[in-house]
Amino acid sequence: MNYSIDISKGASQSDLGVGVVIVSEHNEIVYSAFTGEEGNASWCSVLLSKARKLQIFNAQSIYITINTWSDARSFDLIALLKEIRINKIYVGLPDPSLTSYLDNDPIITFNHVYRYPDELKRKILEQNDHFFTNSKQSIKYSPYYSENRISDLVIGKLKSKGFIIFKDEINAHKNRSALASLICDKYGIKYSKAINAVNNAISEAFNSKYEGYNYSNDLRSLELDWKENFMSLYRNLSTRPLSTINILNIGVASGHEAISLFSDCRHITFVDIAEDGLKKIKNQIPLSKVIISSASDLSSIPDNSQDLYVSLRTYNSSFFEIREAILEALRVLNLNAIIIISVANGFLCPEQPCIIPGLIVPGTKFVDIYRGMDTAKLIQAEFIQAGFKDIQIFSTNTEIYVSARVTDKGSATIGFGKRV
């Protein structure tokens, strides 16, 4: 991966810097190419020329910094895969000209696709800053999200508690325990004190972001049929009315979605780390139960007590612990219960107005259009690991739904080999 980034520096400043490396099953570099290596020829043309010369048309892996979209309105990688058999694709970022998923995108259609880690994505963005800054993948086109970053809010909240944490440190410690351990090392305090400070800072940050959240800044303002999308998905999974079942809703935010979906539900529990959103939903739905807690700690909710677990656009949040949350979901759900999780997959560009697809690469001002699907596939993998069945992925313009069912809790796997 690092080598592909290094050779991409050979591109001229006027060209998108792309580095590509082909690796054999023995983990040896077979051949490589970069933009501008041979005049105006594309990296794909250069690689194919080398492959034909060496008569090597099979490889274990390809490492490509940017999945380029050619002037011929097709992906260069598709042309390469027609001649070279490759088992695994490792990709850094989408082409900056892409603004949506395309049906013929090999990163979407190919089975064995893996991503560069975020620190390497940031290097690629830095090398190609001009191209991405002037693309619709820049969140400057979504002022609210550009100016209200959870990581910045957490840094400010921790500073108010006496802990100075820098942005690069936040980017390198994106889960609660890692951030708490960093504070322990920097300030020589006990872990219990550090994790308490981290949890409080994160809760306060989300509270600040969503206490006065205006849905005119939200994709929901363009996707008017989002509620029907959810209900259609639910009706395909169950015939039971929402008003008759026990529902657990994780991540209330400002309550807009919860009020639209669950106002008539008598047996519903809302869980969030931000207190203000819970107060608002309690006022709107007085019969509801509210719990201030993270999704990874539902200790106040009994085992096997819920029929439906819903979490909309929360699992992609900063500092969210996906595995722990899914295991807690499994614990509280009944047999044959349903879980529906959605991953946010875009931002509102108010100027157009239009949707900027993707999720932000941490520590940058750019979105990665593949990141939402990456997160959905991660949730899918955790569902499989935990023992959920009937797993489905359903994509809309604004979010990606992942649903599943609890069919046999006795065979569910927790963590690595532990049984429920």
Protein backbone atom coordinates (compact mmCIF):
# COMPACT_ATOMS: atom_id res chain seq x y z
CA MET A 1 0.00 0.00 0.00
CA ASN A 2 2.72 2.44 0.98
CA TYR A 3 4.66 1.65 -2.18
CA SER A 4 1.65 2.46 -4.36
CA ILE A 5 1.44 5.85 -2.65
CA ASP A 6 5.18 6.42 -3.03
CA ILE A 7 5.21 5.76 -6.78
CA SER A 8 2.12 7.94 -7.31
CA LYS A 9 4.36 10.91 -6.46
CA GLY A 10 5.89 10.46 -9.91
CA ALA A 11 2.79 12.00 -11.49
CA SER A 12 2.96 15.63 -12.57
CA GLN A 13 1.08 18.22 -10.52
CA SER A 14 -1.42 18.65 -13.34
CA ASP A 15 -2.38 14.96 -13.21
CA LEU A 16 -4.31 13.00 -10.63
CA GLY A 17 -1.61 11.12 -8.73
CA VAL A 18 -2.39 7.41 -9.04
CA GLY A 19 -0.08 4.56 -8.11
CA VAL A 20 -0.85 0.91 -8.88
CA VAL A 21 1.03 -2.21 -7.80
CA ILE A 22 0.40 -5.82 -8.89
CA VAL A 23 1.55 -8.46 -6.39
CA SER A 24 2.04 -12.21 -6.88
CA GLU A 25 0.79 -15.01 -4.62
CA HIS A 26 4.32 -15.05 -3.16
CA ASN A 27 3.86 -11.42 -2.07
CA GLU A 28 6.33 -10.18 -4.66
CA ILE A 29 5.79 -7.12 -6.85
CA VAL A 30 5.15 -8.28 -10.41
CA TYR A 31 4.85 -4.85 -12.02
CA SER A 32 3.66 -1.35 -11.16
CA ALA A 33 2.64 1.89 -12.82
CA PHE A 34 1.72 5.48 -12.07
CA THR A 35 -0.05 8.31 -13.85
CA GLY A 36 2.24 9.90 -16.43
CA GLU A 37 4.86 7.15 -16.31
CA GLU A 38 4.79 6.93 -20.10
CA GLY A 39 3.66 10.29 -21.43
CA ASN A 40 -0.10 10.61 -21.81
CA ALA A 41 -0.75 6.89 -21.45
CA SER A 42 -3.01 5.92 -18.56
CA TRP A 43 -1.67 3.81 -15.73
CA CYS A 44 -3.93 1.03 -17.02
CA SER A 45 -2.36 1.11 -20.48
CA VAL A 46 1.12 1.05 -18.96
CA LEU A 47 0.28 -1.95 -16.76
CA LEU A 48 -1.32 -3.90 -19.60
CA SER A 49 1.73 -3.22 -21.76
CA LYS A 50 3.98 -4.64 -19.04
CA ALA A 51 1.71 -7.65 -18.54
CA ARG A 52 1.76 -8.49 -22.26
CA LYS A 53 5.51 -8.09 -22.42
CA LEU A 54 6.07 -10.38 -19.42
CA GLN A 55 3.16 -12.69 -20.34
CA ILE A 56 1.94 -12.61 -16.73
CA PHE A 57 -1.85 -12.44 -16.58
CA ASN A 58 -2.51 -13.83 -13.10
CA ALA A 59 -1.87 -12.10 -9.79
CA GLN A 60 -2.87 -12.37 -6.17
CA SER A 61 -3.56 -8.69 -5.47
CA ILE A 62 -3.73 -5.21 -6.91
CA TYR A 63 -3.09 -2.09 -4.82
CA ILE A 64 -4.52 1.06 -6.36
CA THR A 65 -4.50 4.46 -4.68
CA ILE A 66 -7.49 5.86 -6.61
CA ASN A 67 -10.16 3.93 -8.50
CA THR A 68 -10.02 6.08 -11.62
CA TRP A 69 -12.97 6.88 -13.86
CA SER A 70 -11.64 7.36 -17.38
CA ASP A 71 -12.52 9.87 -20.08
CA ALA A 72 -14.28 6.99 -21.83
CA ARG A 73 -16.86 6.98 -19.00
CA SER A 74 -15.68 3.67 -17.61
CA PHE A 75 -13.42 2.46 -14.82
CA ASP A 76 -9.81 1.79 -15.77
CA LEU A 77 -9.83 -1.14 -13.37
CA ILE A 78 -12.52 -2.88 -15.45
CA ALA A 79 -10.28 -2.81 -18.52
CA LEU A 80 -7.44 -4.25 -16.46
CA LEU A 81 -9.54 -7.05 -14.98
CA LYS A 82 -10.62 -8.16 -18.46
CA GLU A 83 -7.03 -9.21 -19.19
CA ILE A 84 -5.48 -9.90 -15.80
CA ARG A 85 -7.00 -12.33 -13.30
CA ILE A 86 -6.69 -10.81 -9.81
CA ASN A 87 -7.93 -12.38 -6.58
CA LYS A 88 -7.97 -9.36 -4.29
CA ILE A 89 -8.41 -5.62 -4.84
CA TYR A 90 -7.06 -3.07 -2.37
CA VAL A 91 -8.27 0.46 -3.06
CA GLY A 92 -7.55 3.79 -1.45
CA LEU A 93 -10.15 6.29 -2.66
CA PRO A 94 -12.79 6.77 -5.36
CA ASP A 95 -12.08 9.04 -8.30
CA PRO A 96 -12.85 12.64 -7.23
CA SER A 97 -15.21 13.01 -10.19
CA LEU A 98 -17.57 10.33 -8.86
CA THR A 99 -20.73 11.59 -7.18
CA SER A 100 -22.71 8.36 -6.78
CA TYR A 101 -22.54 4.59 -6.89
CA LEU A 102 -22.33 3.27 -10.44
CA ASP A 103 -23.60 -0.17 -11.43
CA ASN A 104 -20.36 -1.10 -13.18
CA ASP A 105 -18.03 0.03 -10.39
CA PRO A 106 -15.71 -2.93 -9.67
CA ILE A 107 -15.31 -1.79 -6.07
CA ILE A 108 -19.04 -2.40 -5.62
CA THR A 109 -19.42 -5.51 -7.78
CA PHE A 110 -16.16 -7.40 -7.09
CA ASN A 111 -16.35 -9.85 -4.19
CA HIS A 112 -12.92 -9.47 -2.61
CA VAL A 113 -12.36 -5.73 -2.16
CA TYR A 114 -10.39 -4.29 0.74
CA ARG A 115 -9.68 -0.69 1.70
CA TYR A 116 -6.57 1.24 2.61
CA PRO A 117 -6.51 2.35 6.27
CA ASP A 118 -7.58 5.90 7.03
CA GLU A 119 -4.05 7.17 7.62
CA LEU A 120 -3.09 6.16 4.08
CA LYS A 121 -6.28 7.63 2.65
CA ARG A 122 -5.28 10.92 4.25
CA LYS A 123 -1.89 10.73 2.50
CA ILE A 124 -3.59 10.16 -0.85
CA LEU A 125 -5.91 13.11 -0.23
CA GLU A 126 -2.96 15.31 0.71
CA GLN A 127 -1.14 14.40 -2.50
CA ASN A 128 -4.23 15.18 -4.57
CA ASP A 129 -5.67 18.00 -2.50
CA HIS A 130 -6.45 20.27 -5.47
CA PHE A 131 -8.52 17.62 -7.25
CA PHE A 132 -10.55 16.64 -4.19
CA THR A 133 -11.01 20.19 -2.88
CA ASN A 134 -12.70 21.15 -6.14
CA SER A 135 -14.84 18.02 -6.26
CA LYS A 136 -18.28 17.32 -4.81
CA GLN A 137 -16.52 15.00 -2.36
CA SER A 138 -15.48 18.08 -0.38
CA ILE A 139 -17.73 18.79 2.60
CA LYS A 140 -17.24 22.52 2.05
CA TYR A 141 -20.41 22.07 0.01
CA SER A 142 -22.18 20.98 3.21
CA PRO A 143 -21.48 23.90 5.59
CA TYR A 144 -23.28 22.46 8.62
CA TYR A 145 -21.19 19.28 8.67
CA SER A 146 -18.05 21.18 7.74
CA GLU A 147 -18.46 23.41 10.78
CA ASN A 148 -19.86 20.87 13.28
CA ARG A 149 -17.41 17.99 13.56
CA ILE A 150 -17.80 15.59 16.49
CA SER A 151 -14.04 15.12 16.76
CA ASP A 152 -13.55 18.90 17.14
CA LEU A 153 -16.32 19.06 19.74
CA VAL A 154 -14.78 16.18 21.70
CA ILE A 155 -11.39 17.91 21.66
CA GLY A 156 -13.05 21.04 23.07
CA LYS A 157 -14.96 19.12 25.76
CA LEU A 158 -11.82 17.27 26.86
CA LYS A 159 -9.90 20.56 26.99
CA SER A 160 -12.54 21.98 29.33
CA LYS A 161 -11.85 19.01 31.61
CA GLY A 162 -8.11 19.68 31.60
CA PHE A 163 -7.03 17.21 28.92
CA ILE A 164 -5.34 18.62 25.82
CA ILE A 165 -5.75 16.23 22.89
CA PHE A 166 -4.69 17.11 19.35
CA LYS A 167 -6.55 16.27 16.17
CA ASP A 168 -3.97 13.77 14.94
CA GLU A 169 -4.23 12.00 18.29
CA ILE A 170 -8.01 11.83 17.98
CA ASN A 171 -7.67 10.42 14.46
CA ALA A 172 -5.30 7.72 15.72
CA HIS A 173 -7.54 6.80 18.68
CA LYS A 174 -11.05 6.54 17.26
CA ASN A 175 -12.59 4.33 19.91
CA ARG A 176 -13.34 5.19 23.52
CA SER A 177 -10.94 2.79 25.20
CA ALA A 178 -8.03 3.80 22.96
CA LEU A 179 -8.66 7.48 23.63
CA ALA A 180 -8.92 6.82 27.38
CA SER A 181 -5.63 4.89 27.30
CA LEU A 182 -3.98 7.81 25.50
CA ILE A 183 -5.14 10.18 28.25
CA CYS A 184 -3.83 7.76 30.89
CA ASP A 185 -0.41 7.75 29.23
CA LYS A 186 -0.29 11.53 28.75
CA TYR A 187 -1.55 12.55 32.17
CA GLY A 188 -0.67 9.61 34.40
CA ILE A 189 -4.21 9.09 35.69
CA LYS A 190 -6.21 5.95 36.34
CA TYR A 191 -8.12 4.40 33.46
CA SER A 192 -11.43 4.72 35.30
CA LYS A 193 -11.00 8.49 35.48
CA ALA A 194 -9.90 8.72 31.85
CA ILE A 195 -12.75 6.63 30.43
CA ASN A 196 -15.23 8.63 32.49
CA ALA A 197 -13.85 11.85 31.01
CA VAL A 198 -13.99 10.40 27.49
CA ASN A 199 -17.56 9.14 27.86
CA ASN A 200 -18.72 12.48 29.25
CA ALA A 201 -16.93 14.44 26.53
CA ILE A 202 -18.48 12.32 23.77
CA SER A 203 -21.96 12.61 25.30
CA GLU A 204 -21.60 16.38 25.64
CA ALA A 205 -20.30 16.66 22.06
CA PHE A 206 -23.30 14.86 20.60
CA ASN A 207 -25.60 16.87 22.84
CA SER A 208 -24.09 20.10 21.51
CA LYS A 209 -24.35 18.99 17.90
CA TYR A 210 -27.98 17.87 18.01
CA GLU A 211 -29.62 20.01 20.70
CA GLY A 212 -30.78 22.56 18.13
CA TYR A 213 -30.44 20.44 15.02
CA ASN A 214 -32.40 21.81 12.09
CA TYR A 215 -33.53 19.20 9.59
CA SER A 216 -33.22 21.74 6.81
CA ASN A 217 -29.52 20.79 7.04
CA ASP A 218 -30.36 17.11 6.71
CA LEU A 219 -30.74 14.71 3.80
CA ARG A 220 -34.22 13.94 5.09
CA SER A 221 -35.29 17.29 3.60
CA LEU A 222 -34.62 15.87 0.12
CA GLU A 223 -35.51 12.23 0.76
CA LEU A 224 -39.17 12.77 1.63
CA ASP A 225 -40.03 9.09 1.30
CA TRP A 226 -37.48 7.93 3.91
CA LYS A 227 -40.26 6.94 6.32
CA GLU A 228 -42.00 4.82 3.69
CA ASN A 229 -38.65 3.20 2.86
CA PHE A 230 -38.29 2.16 6.50
CA MET A 231 -41.88 0.95 6.82
CA SER A 232 -41.64 -1.00 3.56
CA LEU A 233 -38.53 -2.73 4.85
CA TYR A 234 -40.19 -3.51 8.17
CA ARG A 235 -43.36 -4.86 6.53
CA ASN A 236 -41.25 -7.24 4.47
CA LEU A 237 -39.81 -8.61 7.70
CA SER A 238 -42.87 -8.69 9.96
CA THR A 239 -46.66 -8.49 9.87
CA ARG A 240 -46.93 -7.26 13.47
CA PRO A 241 -47.95 -3.58 13.88
CA LEU A 242 -45.28 -1.43 15.52
CA SER A 243 -47.80 -0.29 18.12
CA THR A 244 -48.13 -3.82 19.53
CA ILE A 245 -44.50 -4.84 20.01
CA ASN A 246 -41.58 -4.00 22.30
CA ILE A 247 -39.24 -1.67 20.43
CA LEU A 248 -35.75 -0.49 21.29
CA ASN A 249 -34.58 2.61 19.40
CA ILE A 250 -30.87 3.39 19.65
CA GLY A 251 -29.72 6.92 18.83
CA VAL A 252 -32.47 9.52 19.09
CA ALA A 253 -30.50 12.65 18.10
CA SER A 254 -33.06 15.48 17.96
CA GLY A 255 -35.99 13.06 17.77
CA HIS A 256 -37.22 13.80 14.24
CA GLU A 257 -37.12 10.19 13.04
CA ALA A 258 -38.40 8.72 16.29
CA ILE A 259 -41.42 11.02 16.38
CA SER A 260 -42.26 10.24 12.75
CA LEU A 261 -41.99 6.48 13.18
CA PHE A 262 -42.94 5.67 16.75
CA SER A 263 -45.44 8.25 18.05
CA ASP A 264 -48.18 5.61 18.28
CA CYS A 265 -46.01 2.98 19.94
CA ARG A 266 -46.85 2.20 23.57
CA HIS A 267 -43.96 -0.16 24.35
CA ILE A 268 -40.89 1.69 23.18
CA THR A 269 -37.55 2.46 24.81
CA PHE A 270 -35.24 5.18 23.52
CA VAL A 271 -31.51 5.03 24.24
CA ASP A 272 -29.02 7.82 23.57
CA ILE A 273 -25.87 9.31 25.07
CA ALA A 274 -27.23 12.85 24.57
CA GLU A 275 -29.67 13.89 27.28
CA ASP A 276 -31.44 16.74 25.47
CA GLY A 277 -32.73 14.54 22.66
CA LEU A 278 -34.16 12.10 25.19
CA LYS A 279 -35.93 14.91 27.04
CA LYS A 280 -37.49 16.06 23.79
CA ILE A 281 -38.69 12.60 22.81
CA LYS A 282 -40.10 11.99 26.30
CA ASN A 283 -42.18 15.14 25.96
CA GLN A 284 -43.41 14.07 22.53
CA ILE A 285 -44.07 10.42 23.45
CA PRO A 286 -44.91 10.43 27.19
CA LEU A 287 -45.49 6.66 27.39
CA SER A 288 -41.97 5.94 26.18
CA LYS A 289 -39.07 4.91 28.39
CA VAL A 290 -35.78 6.77 27.97
CA ILE A 291 -32.30 5.64 28.99
CA ILE A 292 -29.11 7.70 28.91
CA SER A 293 -26.52 5.17 27.82
CA SER A 294 -24.36 4.02 24.93
CA ALA A 295 -25.46 1.26 22.58
CA SER A 296 -22.63 -0.91 23.89
CA ASP A 297 -24.04 -0.87 27.45
CA LEU A 298 -27.71 -1.79 27.69
CA SER A 299 -27.37 -3.30 31.16
CA SER A 300 -30.63 -1.72 32.33
CA ILE A 301 -32.57 -3.64 29.66
CA PRO A 302 -33.42 -7.29 30.46
CA ASP A 303 -32.35 -10.23 28.32
CA ASN A 304 -34.83 -11.44 25.69
CA SER A 305 -37.16 -8.50 26.19
CA GLN A 306 -37.35 -6.74 22.81
CA ASP A 307 -39.11 -7.62 19.55
CA LEU A 308 -37.52 -4.95 17.35
CA TYR A 309 -34.19 -3.14 17.57
CA VAL A 310 -33.87 -0.02 15.42
CA SER A 311 -30.88 2.28 15.00
CA LEU A 312 -30.97 4.81 12.19
CA ARG A 313 -27.78 6.58 11.03
CA THR A 314 -26.04 6.02 14.37
CA TYR A 315 -23.69 3.07 13.81
CA ASN A 316 -21.52 5.23 11.54
CA SER A 317 -21.05 7.84 14.28
CA SER A 318 -17.63 8.80 15.61
CA PHE A 319 -16.47 6.63 18.52
CA PHE A 320 -19.30 4.12 18.00
CA GLU A 321 -18.40 0.56 19.06
CA ILE A 322 -20.13 -1.62 16.48
CA ARG A 323 -19.22 -5.08 17.73
CA GLU A 324 -20.12 -4.37 21.36
CA ALA A 325 -23.41 -2.76 20.31
CA ILE A 326 -24.43 -5.73 18.17
CA LEU A 327 -23.68 -8.18 20.96
CA GLU A 328 -25.82 -6.13 23.34
CA ALA A 329 -28.57 -6.07 20.72
CA LEU A 330 -28.46 -9.85 20.52
CA ARG A 331 -28.72 -10.16 24.29
CA VAL A 332 -31.85 -8.02 24.65
CA LEU A 333 -33.70 -9.37 21.60
CA ASN A 334 -36.23 -12.21 21.71
CA LEU A 335 -36.11 -15.24 19.47
CA ASN A 336 -37.45 -14.29 16.02
CA ALA A 337 -36.91 -10.62 16.84
CA ILE A 338 -35.75 -8.25 14.11
CA ILE A 339 -32.87 -5.80 14.02
CA ILE A 340 -32.79 -2.91 11.54
CA ILE A 341 -29.73 -0.67 11.35
CA SER A 342 -29.14 2.07 8.82
CA VAL A 343 -25.85 3.68 7.89
CA ALA A 344 -25.89 7.33 6.84
CA ASN A 345 -24.58 7.64 3.33
CA GLY A 346 -24.36 11.26 2.38
CA PHE A 347 -24.61 14.94 3.22
CA LEU A 348 -26.83 17.74 2.03
CA CYS A 349 -25.37 20.29 -0.35
CA PRO A 350 -27.82 23.19 0.18
CA GLU A 351 -26.59 25.22 -2.80
CA GLN A 352 -27.82 22.79 -5.46
CA PRO A 353 -29.66 21.28 -3.51
CA CYS A 354 -28.27 17.78 -3.88
CA ILE A 355 -26.83 14.86 -1.96
CA ILE A 356 -23.08 14.49 -1.45
CA PRO A 357 -22.84 10.69 -1.13
CA GLY A 358 -20.47 8.97 1.26
CA LEU A 359 -19.06 9.36 4.74
CA ILE A 360 -16.26 11.61 5.92
CA VAL A 361 -12.72 10.23 6.04
CA PRO A 362 -11.74 10.99 9.67
CA GLY A 363 -9.40 13.93 10.01
CA THR A 364 -10.23 15.35 6.58
CA LYS A 365 -12.81 17.51 4.87
CA PHE A 366 -13.66 14.94 2.25
CA VAL A 367 -16.17 12.14 1.91
CA ASP A 368 -15.45 8.64 0.66
CA ILE A 369 -18.41 7.41 -1.39
CA TYR A 370 -17.52 3.79 -0.62
CA ARG A 371 -17.34 4.27 3.14
CA GLY A 372 -21.07 3.87 3.78
CA MET A 373 -21.11 0.49 2.04
CA ASP A 374 -17.89 -0.47 3.84
CA THR A 375 -19.65 0.19 7.15
CA ALA A 376 -22.74 -1.75 6.07
CA LYS A 377 -20.59 -4.73 5.14
CA LEU A 378 -18.80 -4.49 8.49
CA ILE A 379 -22.17 -4.63 10.26
CA GLN A 380 -23.13 -7.58 8.07
CA ALA A 381 -19.93 -9.40 9.08
CA GLU A 382 -20.61 -8.72 12.77
CA PHE A 383 -24.17 -10.02 12.34
CA ILE A 384 -22.78 -13.25 10.92
CA GLN A 385 -20.22 -13.52 13.73
CA ALA A 386 -22.91 -12.97 16.36
CA GLY A 387 -25.22 -15.58 14.86
CA PHE A 388 -27.96 -13.45 13.27
CA LYS A 389 -29.74 -14.91 10.25
CA ASP A 390 -31.67 -13.69 7.19
CA ILE A 391 -29.24 -10.80 6.77
CA GLN A 392 -30.14 -8.29 4.05
CA ILE A 393 -28.62 -5.04 2.76
CA PHE A 394 -30.92 -2.47 1.17
CA SER A 395 -29.61 0.85 -0.18
CA THR A 396 -31.49 4.14 -0.64
CA ASN A 397 -30.36 7.60 -1.74
CA THR A 398 -29.54 8.67 1.81
CA GLU A 399 -28.75 5.55 3.82
CA ILE A 400 -27.97 1.87 3.65
CA TYR A 401 -30.13 -0.51 5.69
CA VAL A 402 -28.82 -3.75 7.17
CA SER A 403 -31.45 -6.04 8.67
CA ALA A 404 -31.37 -9.47 10.30
CA ARG A 405 -33.33 -11.84 12.50
CA VAL A 406 -32.61 -13.75 15.71
CA THR A 407 -33.37 -17.41 15.02
CA ASP A 408 -31.20 -19.44 17.38
CA LYS A 409 -29.58 -17.68 20.31
CA GLY A 410 -28.02 -20.92 21.49
CA SER A 411 -25.66 -20.92 18.51
CA ALA A 412 -24.83 -17.23 18.55
CA THR A 413 -21.16 -16.46 18.96
CA ILE A 414 -20.05 -13.59 21.14
CA GLY A 415 -16.62 -12.11 20.51
CA PHE A 416 -14.22 -14.95 19.76
CA GLY A 417 -15.78 -18.28 20.59
CA LYS A 418 -17.84 -17.34 23.65
CA ARG A 419 -21.39 -18.64 23.75
CA VAL A 420 -24.52 -16.86 24.84
